[in-house]
Amino acid sequence: MQAQANWESILQKTEQAFCGQAKETTGPPPPNDHQGRLDVSAYLSHYGISHKVKENGAAAYYQLDHCLFDPAHVQDAAIIQDTSGKLGYHCFHDSCKDKGWKEAREAISGTESLGQFMNGGKAYAGTGQKKADPPPERPVIELVTYGELHKKEVVFPDPLIDGLLDVGDSCLVTGSTGLGKSLTIDAMALAVAAGKKLFDRFPISEKHNVLLFQSENSMRAKKTRLSAMVDSFKNRADHQDYIKALDRIFTGMIGQDPRVAGDILDPAFAQDLTDAIQATGADLLILDPLISYHAQDENDNGGMRKVLDRLTQITGEKTAVILTHHHGKGTHEGQNQARGASAILDWARGILTLTRQKHETKKLIRVDHTKAGNFQNAPSFLLEVDGPCVFPVEADVLVPPSRAVEILQSIGGRTDTKNAFVEAITSQCDVSRRTAQEGIDRAADMGLIRAIKNGRVYTYEAI
């Protein structure tokens, strides 16, 4: 065991301490750390490590009150940073000679990112990466009264998707696993990029760039779906408009894999999203699904709100965002079918709730506009899944006139009240009373069944 060393001797032996016994940092820093020079004093103070700073021109020495690995080693240890920003750790005791910066960092902060302590100094040698950006300026908060706000003249841009999504706003698309959420948002992305009416009901006034990150579909799946989606428009007069729109939809890739996930609260991934939005000029960001872009407990309101508020900061005032989200278990209705914390629903300005619509031969999705934000709730509508794409269909697909005739015949070919007929249809087709009534009226209008009015009562007979 060496005797306690005089601290001044460390300053006199810079080369020996840093290049000899001290283990240096070589190569790039850990993956999630922003490039730059570590502010060692801020880092140590943040974790409650008492220290003194000394410099000799070749390096800065952050003398610790005691060794990180043996408290008995008093004032014999230091973190060393040379003029390039390279880091080392040194203790004068033989038992600690194998301890370097890597071990010191793990003892102080574990695996937590150093990003917040990087001050934009010289990057680590040999990495070729840029300096860390300075922290953003704090916004100026202006106080105004409601009266002033009421009188303020503001020209608002046209909605991104009229009736559904404003510029810079948020929309949640929820549904059960395997229902067709990804197909639905692909259709939404294409409509926004093409400037075409979405699902034949939501106008889009101009073409927009779209950035879509997804984590579930492989290259084969994406290529197959993309080809089918393009093929579905081949007989339309505006087919080429959709082909051109494909070049306004951007997606992330890692090598040849289009599956990209990350944590919105991770500064590095948040920067990736910010850079991607700026590089593409995206007016719409789509993340599919939400669970792949955070590491919080989805039932924790506080944790989920942090994630979503950070996403709002990333997208800013000009980029709208659509998230897909899974339904939970249980018998909830409407927007409450979405699983997890209520903060998720509160954050979204609009919500489309997707549920499976029962049908004998078709795969149908019922879409309910369960939260409308700045718009009126749109009437519910149906999408049909046709291979790897979706398209809107009329409600009469649920109770076509021929089906109404079949059901009437199944209950004897005659019913003395419309209510009995309606109940038979709702039971066999799993539809609402309104849809059943509309199916009966269409069959009667086409002359497939006979409606006999007696006062205010209708009798129905098969023909």
Protein backbone atom coordinates (compact mmCIF):
# COMPACT_ATOMS: atom_id res chain seq x y z
CA MET A 1 0.00 0.00 0.00
CA GLN A 2 1.42 3.37 -0.94
CA ALA A 3 1.40 6.17 1.59
CA GLN A 4 -0.98 9.05 1.06
CA ALA A 5 0.38 11.11 -1.82
CA ASN A 6 0.84 14.85 -1.78
CA TRP A 7 -1.76 16.27 -4.17
CA GLU A 8 0.74 18.73 -5.63
CA SER A 9 2.76 15.78 -6.91
CA ILE A 10 -0.10 14.91 -9.24
CA LEU A 11 0.27 18.23 -11.04
CA GLN A 12 4.00 17.60 -11.43
CA LYS A 13 3.46 14.19 -13.03
CA THR A 14 0.82 14.89 -15.64
CA GLU A 15 2.13 12.53 -18.26
CA GLN A 16 2.67 9.67 -15.85
CA ALA A 17 -0.74 10.04 -14.20
CA PHE A 18 -2.76 10.39 -17.39
CA CYS A 19 -0.87 8.27 -19.89
CA GLY A 20 0.56 5.71 -17.50
CA GLN A 21 -1.40 4.50 -14.49
CA ALA A 22 -4.64 6.28 -15.35
CA LYS A 23 -6.88 4.41 -17.82
CA GLU A 24 -7.88 6.76 -20.64
CA THR A 25 -11.06 7.08 -22.63
CA THR A 26 -10.37 5.97 -26.19
CA GLY A 27 -12.70 5.94 -29.16
CA PRO A 28 -16.23 7.33 -29.16
CA PRO A 29 -18.29 7.93 -26.02
CA PRO A 30 -21.25 5.67 -25.12
CA PRO A 31 -24.00 5.62 -27.82
CA ASN A 32 -26.58 7.84 -26.13
CA ASP A 33 -24.16 10.66 -25.19
CA HIS A 34 -24.14 13.80 -27.32
CA GLN A 35 -20.69 14.67 -28.64
CA GLY A 36 -18.88 17.47 -26.84
CA ARG A 37 -16.65 18.20 -23.86
CA LEU A 38 -17.94 16.90 -20.53
CA ASP A 39 -18.46 19.61 -17.92
CA VAL A 40 -16.90 17.52 -15.17
CA SER A 41 -17.69 19.95 -12.35
CA ALA A 42 -21.37 20.07 -13.30
CA TYR A 43 -21.43 16.28 -13.64
CA LEU A 44 -19.85 15.66 -10.22
CA SER A 45 -21.97 18.31 -8.50
CA HIS A 46 -25.16 16.83 -9.98
CA TYR A 47 -24.39 13.49 -8.34
CA GLY A 48 -23.25 15.02 -5.04
CA ILE A 49 -19.52 14.28 -5.48
CA SER A 50 -17.44 16.86 -3.57
CA HIS A 51 -14.29 17.95 -5.42
CA LYS A 52 -11.66 20.61 -6.02
CA VAL A 53 -10.31 21.72 -9.40
CA LYS A 54 -6.64 22.16 -10.25
CA GLU A 55 -4.99 22.75 -13.63
CA ASN A 56 -1.42 22.67 -14.95
CA GLY A 57 -1.96 23.61 -18.60
CA ALA A 58 -1.85 20.02 -19.88
CA ALA A 59 -4.92 18.79 -18.00
CA ALA A 60 -7.53 19.63 -15.39
CA TYR A 61 -7.64 17.54 -12.23
CA TYR A 62 -10.86 17.17 -10.27
CA GLN A 63 -9.58 16.06 -6.87
CA LEU A 64 -12.16 14.00 -4.99
CA ASP A 65 -12.54 14.05 -1.22
CA HIS A 66 -12.12 10.29 -1.28
CA CYS A 67 -11.71 7.49 -3.78
CA LEU A 68 -14.87 6.25 -5.50
CA PHE A 69 -13.93 2.65 -4.75
CA ASP A 70 -12.47 2.89 -1.23
CA PRO A 71 -13.54 5.72 1.14
CA ALA A 72 -10.36 5.16 3.15
CA HIS A 73 -8.35 6.62 0.28
CA VAL A 74 -8.75 10.26 1.29
CA GLN A 75 -7.76 13.00 -1.21
CA ASP A 76 -5.74 10.48 -3.23
CA ALA A 77 -8.06 10.22 -6.28
CA ALA A 78 -8.98 12.45 -9.18
CA ILE A 79 -10.81 12.54 -12.48
CA ILE A 80 -8.44 13.88 -15.12
CA GLN A 81 -9.44 15.69 -18.33
CA ASP A 82 -6.82 16.71 -20.89
CA THR A 83 -7.10 19.65 -23.28
CA SER A 84 -8.83 17.51 -25.95
CA GLY A 85 -11.58 16.52 -23.51
CA LYS A 86 -10.26 12.97 -23.00
CA LEU A 87 -11.07 11.56 -19.55
CA GLY A 88 -9.26 9.35 -17.07
CA TYR A 89 -9.47 8.32 -13.42
CA HIS A 90 -6.49 7.92 -11.07
CA CYS A 91 -6.05 6.80 -7.48
CA PHE A 92 -2.55 6.51 -5.95
CA HIS A 93 -3.31 3.24 -4.17
CA ASP A 94 -2.28 -0.06 -5.76
CA SER A 95 -5.69 -1.63 -5.08
CA CYS A 96 -7.31 0.92 -7.41
CA LYS A 97 -4.78 0.91 -10.24
CA ASP A 98 -7.17 -1.03 -12.51
CA LYS A 99 -9.91 1.57 -12.13
CA GLY A 100 -10.31 3.97 -15.05
CA TRP A 101 -12.90 6.45 -16.34
CA LYS A 102 -15.28 3.69 -17.41
CA GLU A 103 -15.43 2.26 -13.91
CA ALA A 104 -15.59 5.74 -12.34
CA ARG A 105 -18.53 6.73 -14.50
CA GLU A 106 -20.41 3.52 -13.65
CA ALA A 107 -19.79 4.15 -9.93
CA ILE A 108 -21.11 7.72 -10.17
CA SER A 109 -24.02 7.58 -12.64
CA GLY A 110 -24.43 4.01 -13.89
CA THR A 111 -25.69 3.90 -17.48
CA GLU A 112 -27.42 7.29 -17.47
CA SER A 113 -26.69 9.54 -20.45
CA LEU A 114 -24.06 12.27 -20.11
CA GLY A 115 -25.83 14.39 -22.73
CA GLN A 116 -27.03 17.06 -20.30
CA PHE A 117 -23.45 17.69 -19.12
CA MET A 118 -21.90 18.11 -22.58
CA ASN A 119 -21.04 21.76 -23.20
CA GLY A 120 -20.27 21.64 -26.93
CA GLY A 121 -16.49 21.57 -26.52
CA LYS A 122 -14.06 19.64 -28.67
CA ALA A 123 -15.41 16.27 -29.78
CA TYR A 124 -13.71 13.01 -28.84
CA ALA A 125 -10.71 12.40 -31.06
CA GLY A 126 -11.26 10.17 -34.06
CA THR A 127 -15.05 10.10 -33.98
CA GLY A 128 -15.63 12.59 -36.77
CA GLN A 129 -18.86 13.66 -35.11
CA LYS A 130 -19.94 17.26 -34.64
CA LYS A 131 -19.95 19.24 -31.45
CA ALA A 132 -23.00 19.17 -29.26
CA ASP A 133 -25.50 21.94 -29.93
CA PRO A 134 -25.87 24.57 -27.20
CA PRO A 135 -29.01 24.27 -25.09
CA PRO A 136 -32.06 26.02 -26.60
CA GLU A 137 -32.95 29.47 -25.38
CA ARG A 138 -35.77 29.66 -22.88
CA PRO A 139 -38.96 31.07 -24.44
CA VAL A 140 -40.23 34.45 -23.30
CA ILE A 141 -43.54 34.14 -21.46
CA GLU A 142 -45.91 37.03 -22.14
CA LEU A 143 -48.93 37.61 -19.92
CA VAL A 144 -52.17 38.65 -21.65
CA THR A 145 -55.78 38.88 -20.55
CA TYR A 146 -58.65 36.97 -22.11
CA GLY A 147 -59.94 40.32 -23.32
CA GLU A 148 -56.70 41.00 -25.20
CA LEU A 149 -56.71 37.49 -26.59
CA HIS A 150 -60.29 37.93 -27.78
CA LYS A 151 -59.39 41.13 -29.66
CA LYS A 152 -56.18 39.71 -31.14
CA GLU A 153 -56.37 39.22 -34.92
CA VAL A 154 -54.94 35.85 -35.94
CA VAL A 155 -55.01 34.28 -39.40
CA PHE A 156 -55.14 30.51 -38.98
CA PRO A 157 -53.88 28.16 -41.71
CA ASP A 158 -56.25 25.71 -43.35
CA PRO A 159 -56.58 22.41 -41.46
CA LEU A 160 -54.15 19.69 -42.49
CA ILE A 161 -57.12 17.29 -42.70
CA ASP A 162 -60.37 19.27 -42.60
CA GLY A 163 -62.70 17.97 -39.91
CA LEU A 164 -60.00 15.83 -38.32
CA LEU A 165 -56.55 17.37 -37.84
CA ASP A 166 -55.32 20.97 -37.60
CA VAL A 167 -51.80 22.11 -38.45
CA GLY A 168 -49.53 21.27 -35.52
CA ASP A 169 -52.28 19.28 -33.79
CA SER A 170 -52.43 15.66 -32.62
CA CYS A 171 -54.59 12.65 -33.46
CA LEU A 172 -54.72 9.19 -31.91
CA VAL A 173 -55.79 6.17 -33.98
CA THR A 174 -56.70 3.28 -31.66
CA GLY A 175 -57.70 -0.31 -32.32
CA SER A 176 -57.14 -3.91 -31.32
CA THR A 177 -54.16 -5.96 -32.48
CA GLY A 178 -54.39 -7.14 -36.09
CA LEU A 179 -57.38 -4.97 -36.92
CA GLY A 180 -55.70 -2.84 -39.59
CA LYS A 181 -54.33 0.27 -37.83
CA SER A 182 -51.13 0.31 -39.87
CA LEU A 183 -53.09 -0.06 -43.10
CA THR A 184 -55.32 2.80 -42.03
CA ILE A 185 -52.46 5.18 -41.31
CA ASP A 186 -50.76 4.23 -44.60
CA ALA A 187 -53.95 5.35 -46.34
CA MET A 188 -53.96 8.55 -44.28
CA ALA A 189 -50.33 9.28 -45.17
CA LEU A 190 -51.01 8.80 -48.88
CA ALA A 191 -54.07 11.06 -48.85
CA VAL A 192 -52.15 13.84 -47.06
CA ALA A 193 -49.20 13.53 -49.45
CA ALA A 194 -51.49 13.54 -52.50
CA GLY A 195 -53.75 16.33 -51.24
CA LYS A 196 -56.80 14.10 -51.81
CA LYS A 197 -59.96 13.67 -49.73
CA LEU A 198 -59.36 11.14 -46.96
CA PHE A 199 -61.80 8.20 -46.91
CA ASP A 200 -64.08 10.18 -49.24
CA ARG A 201 -65.11 12.47 -46.36
CA PHE A 202 -62.22 14.55 -44.93
CA PRO A 203 -60.98 17.25 -47.39
CA ILE A 204 -57.25 17.95 -47.69
CA SER A 205 -56.62 21.27 -49.43
CA GLU A 206 -52.99 20.81 -50.51
CA LYS A 207 -50.13 18.32 -50.74
CA HIS A 208 -47.91 17.85 -47.68
CA ASN A 209 -44.71 16.02 -46.83
CA VAL A 210 -45.19 13.15 -44.37
CA LEU A 211 -42.63 11.46 -42.08
CA LEU A 212 -43.66 7.96 -40.92
CA PHE A 213 -41.69 5.89 -38.40
CA GLN A 214 -42.94 2.37 -37.71
CA SER A 215 -41.54 -0.60 -35.81
CA GLU A 216 -43.64 -3.63 -36.76
CA ASN A 217 -43.47 -4.29 -40.51
CA SER A 218 -40.41 -5.75 -42.23
CA MET A 219 -39.11 -4.79 -45.64
CA ARG A 220 -41.09 -7.61 -47.28
CA ALA A 221 -44.31 -6.55 -45.55
CA LYS A 222 -43.84 -2.85 -46.41
CA LYS A 223 -43.01 -3.58 -50.06
CA THR A 224 -46.04 -5.89 -50.40
CA ARG A 225 -48.41 -3.37 -48.85
CA LEU A 226 -47.00 -0.49 -50.84
CA SER A 227 -47.43 -2.34 -54.14
CA ALA A 228 -51.02 -3.28 -53.28
CA MET A 229 -51.84 0.28 -52.23
CA VAL A 230 -50.48 1.68 -55.49
CA ASP A 231 -52.30 -1.00 -57.49
CA SER A 232 -55.62 -0.12 -55.84
CA PHE A 233 -55.56 3.30 -57.56
CA LYS A 234 -54.58 2.09 -61.04
CA ASN A 235 -58.06 2.49 -62.54
CA ARG A 236 -58.56 6.02 -61.24
CA ALA A 237 -58.09 9.05 -63.44
CA ASP A 238 -55.83 10.61 -60.78
CA HIS A 239 -53.62 7.50 -60.48
CA GLN A 240 -50.44 9.47 -61.25
CA ASP A 241 -51.19 11.94 -58.47
CA TYR A 242 -50.87 9.09 -55.98
CA ILE A 243 -47.71 7.78 -57.62
CA LYS A 244 -46.09 11.21 -57.29
CA ALA A 245 -47.31 11.45 -53.69
CA LEU A 246 -45.11 8.50 -52.74
CA ASP A 247 -42.08 10.77 -53.04
CA ARG A 248 -43.55 13.03 -50.35
CA ILE A 249 -43.79 10.22 -47.78
CA PHE A 250 -40.54 9.60 -45.90
CA THR A 251 -39.79 6.68 -43.60
CA GLY A 252 -36.86 5.72 -41.39
CA MET A 253 -34.48 2.90 -42.27
CA ILE A 254 -31.71 1.13 -40.38
CA GLY A 255 -29.70 -0.53 -43.11
CA GLN A 256 -32.31 -2.42 -45.13
CA ASP A 257 -34.78 -2.61 -42.26
CA PRO A 258 -37.67 -0.09 -42.18
CA ARG A 259 -38.41 -0.87 -38.54
CA VAL A 260 -37.22 2.01 -36.37
CA ALA A 261 -37.99 2.35 -32.66
CA GLY A 262 -36.67 4.62 -29.92
CA ASP A 263 -37.43 6.52 -26.75
CA ILE A 264 -38.81 10.04 -27.17
CA LEU A 265 -37.30 10.96 -23.78
CA ASP A 266 -33.83 9.87 -24.93
CA PRO A 267 -32.09 13.11 -26.06
CA ALA A 268 -30.33 11.31 -28.91
CA PHE A 269 -33.53 9.84 -30.37
CA ALA A 270 -35.41 13.11 -29.80
CA GLN A 271 -32.68 14.80 -31.84
CA ASP A 272 -33.06 12.15 -34.55
CA LEU A 273 -36.77 12.97 -34.81
CA THR A 274 -36.12 16.71 -34.82
CA ASP A 275 -33.46 16.35 -37.53
CA ALA A 276 -35.72 14.11 -39.63
CA ILE A 277 -38.62 16.58 -39.47
CA GLN A 278 -36.35 19.43 -40.49
CA ALA A 279 -34.66 17.43 -43.26
CA THR A 280 -37.96 16.30 -44.83
CA GLY A 281 -39.99 19.45 -44.19
CA ALA A 282 -42.72 17.17 -42.86
CA ASP A 283 -46.07 18.75 -42.01
CA LEU A 284 -47.20 15.42 -40.53
CA LEU A 285 -45.31 12.97 -38.31
CA ILE A 286 -46.74 9.46 -37.83
CA LEU A 287 -45.44 7.06 -35.16
CA ASP A 288 -46.75 3.49 -35.33
CA PRO A 289 -47.33 2.28 -32.63
CA LEU A 290 -46.93 4.53 -29.58
CA ILE A 291 -45.53 1.74 -27.39
CA SER A 292 -42.39 1.52 -29.56
CA TYR A 293 -41.42 5.13 -28.83
CA HIS A 294 -41.25 5.31 -25.05
CA ALA A 295 -40.02 3.29 -22.06
CA GLN A 296 -42.65 4.34 -19.51
CA ASP A 297 -45.36 2.34 -17.76
CA GLU A 298 -48.38 3.03 -20.00
CA ASN A 299 -50.62 3.18 -16.92
CA ASP A 300 -48.55 5.95 -15.34
CA ASN A 301 -50.17 9.30 -16.11
CA GLY A 302 -47.06 11.26 -15.11
CA GLY A 303 -44.67 9.19 -17.19
CA MET A 304 -46.86 9.15 -20.29
CA ARG A 305 -47.53 12.87 -20.06
CA LYS A 306 -43.77 13.53 -20.03
CA VAL A 307 -43.40 11.46 -23.20
CA LEU A 308 -46.25 13.16 -25.04
CA ASP A 309 -45.36 16.68 -23.92
CA ARG A 310 -41.80 16.07 -25.15
CA LEU A 311 -43.24 14.92 -28.48
CA THR A 312 -45.22 18.16 -28.67
CA GLN A 313 -41.99 20.11 -28.13
CA ILE A 314 -40.27 18.14 -30.89
CA THR A 315 -43.00 18.66 -33.48
CA GLY A 316 -43.63 22.31 -32.57
CA GLU A 317 -46.43 24.47 -33.96
CA LYS A 318 -46.20 23.47 -37.62
CA THR A 319 -45.93 19.67 -37.66
CA ALA A 320 -49.04 17.65 -36.83
CA VAL A 321 -48.68 14.18 -35.33
CA ILE A 322 -50.68 10.95 -35.60
CA LEU A 323 -50.03 8.07 -33.19
CA THR A 324 -51.44 4.56 -33.36
CA HIS A 325 -52.28 2.90 -30.06
CA HIS A 326 -53.62 -0.46 -28.98
CA HIS A 327 -56.89 -1.22 -27.22
CA GLY A 328 -56.84 -2.78 -23.78
CA LYS A 329 -58.80 -5.65 -22.31
CA GLY A 330 -62.27 -5.32 -20.83
CA THR A 331 -65.63 -4.03 -22.01
CA HIS A 332 -64.92 -0.31 -22.34
CA GLU A 333 -66.65 1.74 -25.04
CA GLY A 334 -65.68 4.60 -27.32
CA GLN A 335 -62.29 6.22 -26.82
CA ASN A 336 -61.94 4.49 -23.43
CA GLN A 337 -61.14 1.26 -25.25
CA ALA A 338 -57.59 2.59 -25.63
CA ARG A 339 -55.36 1.00 -23.03
CA GLY A 340 -53.24 2.77 -20.46
CA ALA A 341 -53.28 6.12 -18.73
CA SER A 342 -55.99 8.70 -19.31
CA ALA A 343 -53.18 11.20 -20.03
CA ILE A 344 -52.84 9.60 -23.48
CA LEU A 345 -56.45 10.41 -24.34
CA ASP A 346 -56.24 13.87 -22.76
CA TRP A 347 -53.17 14.78 -24.84
CA ALA A 348 -54.72 13.87 -28.20
CA ARG A 349 -56.81 16.64 -29.78
CA GLY A 350 -58.64 14.10 -31.91
CA ILE A 351 -59.23 10.36 -31.66
CA LEU A 352 -60.36 7.82 -34.24
CA THR A 353 -61.49 4.59 -32.58
CA LEU A 354 -61.31 1.51 -34.79
CA THR A 355 -63.36 -1.61 -34.00
CA ARG A 356 -64.15 -4.77 -35.87
CA GLN A 357 -67.51 -4.69 -37.66
CA LYS A 358 -69.15 -8.09 -37.95
CA HIS A 359 -69.90 -9.25 -41.50
CA GLU A 360 -70.44 -12.65 -43.09
CA THR A 361 -67.89 -12.33 -45.89
CA LYS A 362 -65.97 -9.04 -45.59
CA LYS A 363 -63.33 -7.80 -43.15
CA LEU A 364 -64.71 -4.45 -42.06
CA ILE A 365 -63.44 -1.78 -39.71
CA ARG A 366 -65.87 0.59 -38.04
CA VAL A 367 -64.34 4.04 -37.53
CA ASP A 368 -65.82 6.29 -34.82
CA HIS A 369 -64.66 9.89 -34.39
CA THR A 370 -64.71 9.70 -30.59
CA LYS A 371 -62.84 12.97 -29.89
CA ALA A 372 -62.97 15.91 -32.24
CA GLY A 373 -60.86 18.71 -30.74
CA ASN A 374 -61.51 21.80 -32.87
CA PHE A 375 -64.06 20.12 -35.13
CA GLN A 376 -67.50 18.54 -34.95
CA ASN A 377 -67.55 14.77 -34.57
CA ALA A 378 -67.78 13.19 -38.01
CA PRO A 379 -70.40 10.45 -38.52
CA SER A 380 -69.13 6.91 -38.11
CA PHE A 381 -68.04 5.14 -41.29
CA LEU A 382 -66.74 1.80 -42.55
CA LEU A 383 -63.44 0.72 -44.07
CA GLU A 384 -63.00 -2.59 -45.86
CA VAL A 385 -59.69 -4.41 -45.59
CA ASP A 386 -58.84 -5.73 -49.03
CA GLY A 387 -55.50 -7.53 -48.83
CA PRO A 388 -52.84 -5.08 -47.68
CA CYS A 389 -54.91 -1.89 -48.06
CA VAL A 390 -58.17 -0.32 -46.87
CA PHE A 391 -60.84 1.70 -48.62
CA PRO A 392 -64.16 3.24 -47.54
CA VAL A 393 -67.43 1.39 -48.19
CA GLU A 394 -71.06 2.42 -47.83
CA ALA A 395 -73.00 1.40 -44.75
CA ASP A 396 -75.47 -0.62 -46.83
CA VAL A 397 -72.83 -3.33 -47.10
CA LEU A 398 -73.88 -4.31 -43.57
CA VAL A 399 -77.55 -4.87 -44.42
CA PRO A 400 -77.88 -5.03 -48.21
CA PRO A 401 -81.47 -5.34 -49.50
CA SER A 402 -80.97 -9.02 -50.30
CA ARG A 403 -79.93 -9.68 -46.70
CA ALA A 404 -83.00 -7.89 -45.36
CA VAL A 405 -85.17 -10.20 -47.52
CA GLU A 406 -83.35 -13.28 -46.19
CA ILE A 407 -83.89 -12.24 -42.59
CA LEU A 408 -87.57 -11.49 -43.18
CA GLN A 409 -88.02 -14.95 -44.69
CA SER A 410 -86.16 -16.53 -41.74
CA ILE A 411 -88.82 -15.18 -39.34
CA GLY A 412 -91.76 -16.45 -41.38
CA GLY A 413 -91.86 -14.02 -44.32
CA ARG A 414 -94.02 -11.52 -42.44
CA THR A 415 -93.81 -9.28 -39.40
CA ASP A 416 -96.61 -7.18 -37.94
CA THR A 417 -94.29 -4.47 -36.58
CA LYS A 418 -91.15 -2.81 -37.81
CA ASN A 419 -89.65 -3.19 -34.35
CA ALA A 420 -89.70 -6.99 -34.62
CA PHE A 421 -88.04 -6.79 -38.05
CA VAL A 422 -85.39 -4.39 -36.71
CA GLU A 423 -84.61 -6.65 -33.75
CA ALA A 424 -84.17 -9.64 -36.06
CA ILE A 425 -81.67 -7.71 -38.20
CA THR A 426 -79.70 -6.28 -35.26
CA SER A 427 -79.45 -9.79 -33.79
CA GLN A 428 -78.30 -11.54 -36.96
CA CYS A 429 -76.08 -8.76 -38.41
CA ASP A 430 -74.74 -7.23 -35.19
CA VAL A 431 -75.58 -3.68 -36.27
CA SER A 432 -77.25 -0.68 -34.68
CA ARG A 433 -81.02 -0.15 -34.81
CA ARG A 434 -80.50 2.78 -37.14
CA THR A 435 -78.50 0.68 -39.62
CA ALA A 436 -81.18 -2.04 -39.45
CA GLN A 437 -83.95 0.48 -40.14
CA GLU A 438 -82.02 1.90 -43.12
CA GLY A 439 -81.58 -1.63 -44.50
CA ILE A 440 -85.33 -2.27 -44.28
CA ASP A 441 -86.14 1.04 -45.99
CA ARG A 442 -83.72 0.32 -48.87
CA ALA A 443 -85.24 -3.12 -49.45
CA ALA A 444 -88.74 -1.62 -49.47
CA ASP A 445 -87.69 1.20 -51.83
CA MET A 446 -86.31 -1.39 -54.27
CA GLY A 447 -89.58 -3.34 -54.15
CA LEU A 448 -87.97 -6.49 -52.68
CA ILE A 449 -90.31 -6.46 -49.67
CA ARG A 450 -93.79 -5.03 -49.24
CA ALA A 451 -94.40 -2.36 -46.62
CA ILE A 452 -98.10 -2.04 -45.69
CA LYS A 453 -98.99 1.01 -43.63
CA ASN A 454 -101.93 0.82 -41.21
CA GLY A 455 -102.14 4.16 -39.43
CA ARG A 456 -98.74 4.60 -37.82
CA VAL A 457 -97.92 0.88 -37.91
CA TYR A 458 -96.08 -0.90 -40.75
CA THR A 459 -96.47 -4.54 -41.67
CA TYR A 460 -93.73 -6.11 -43.80
CA GLU A 461 -94.12 -9.06 -46.16
CA ALA A 462 -91.70 -10.89 -48.42
CA ILE A 463 -92.65 -10.74 -52.09
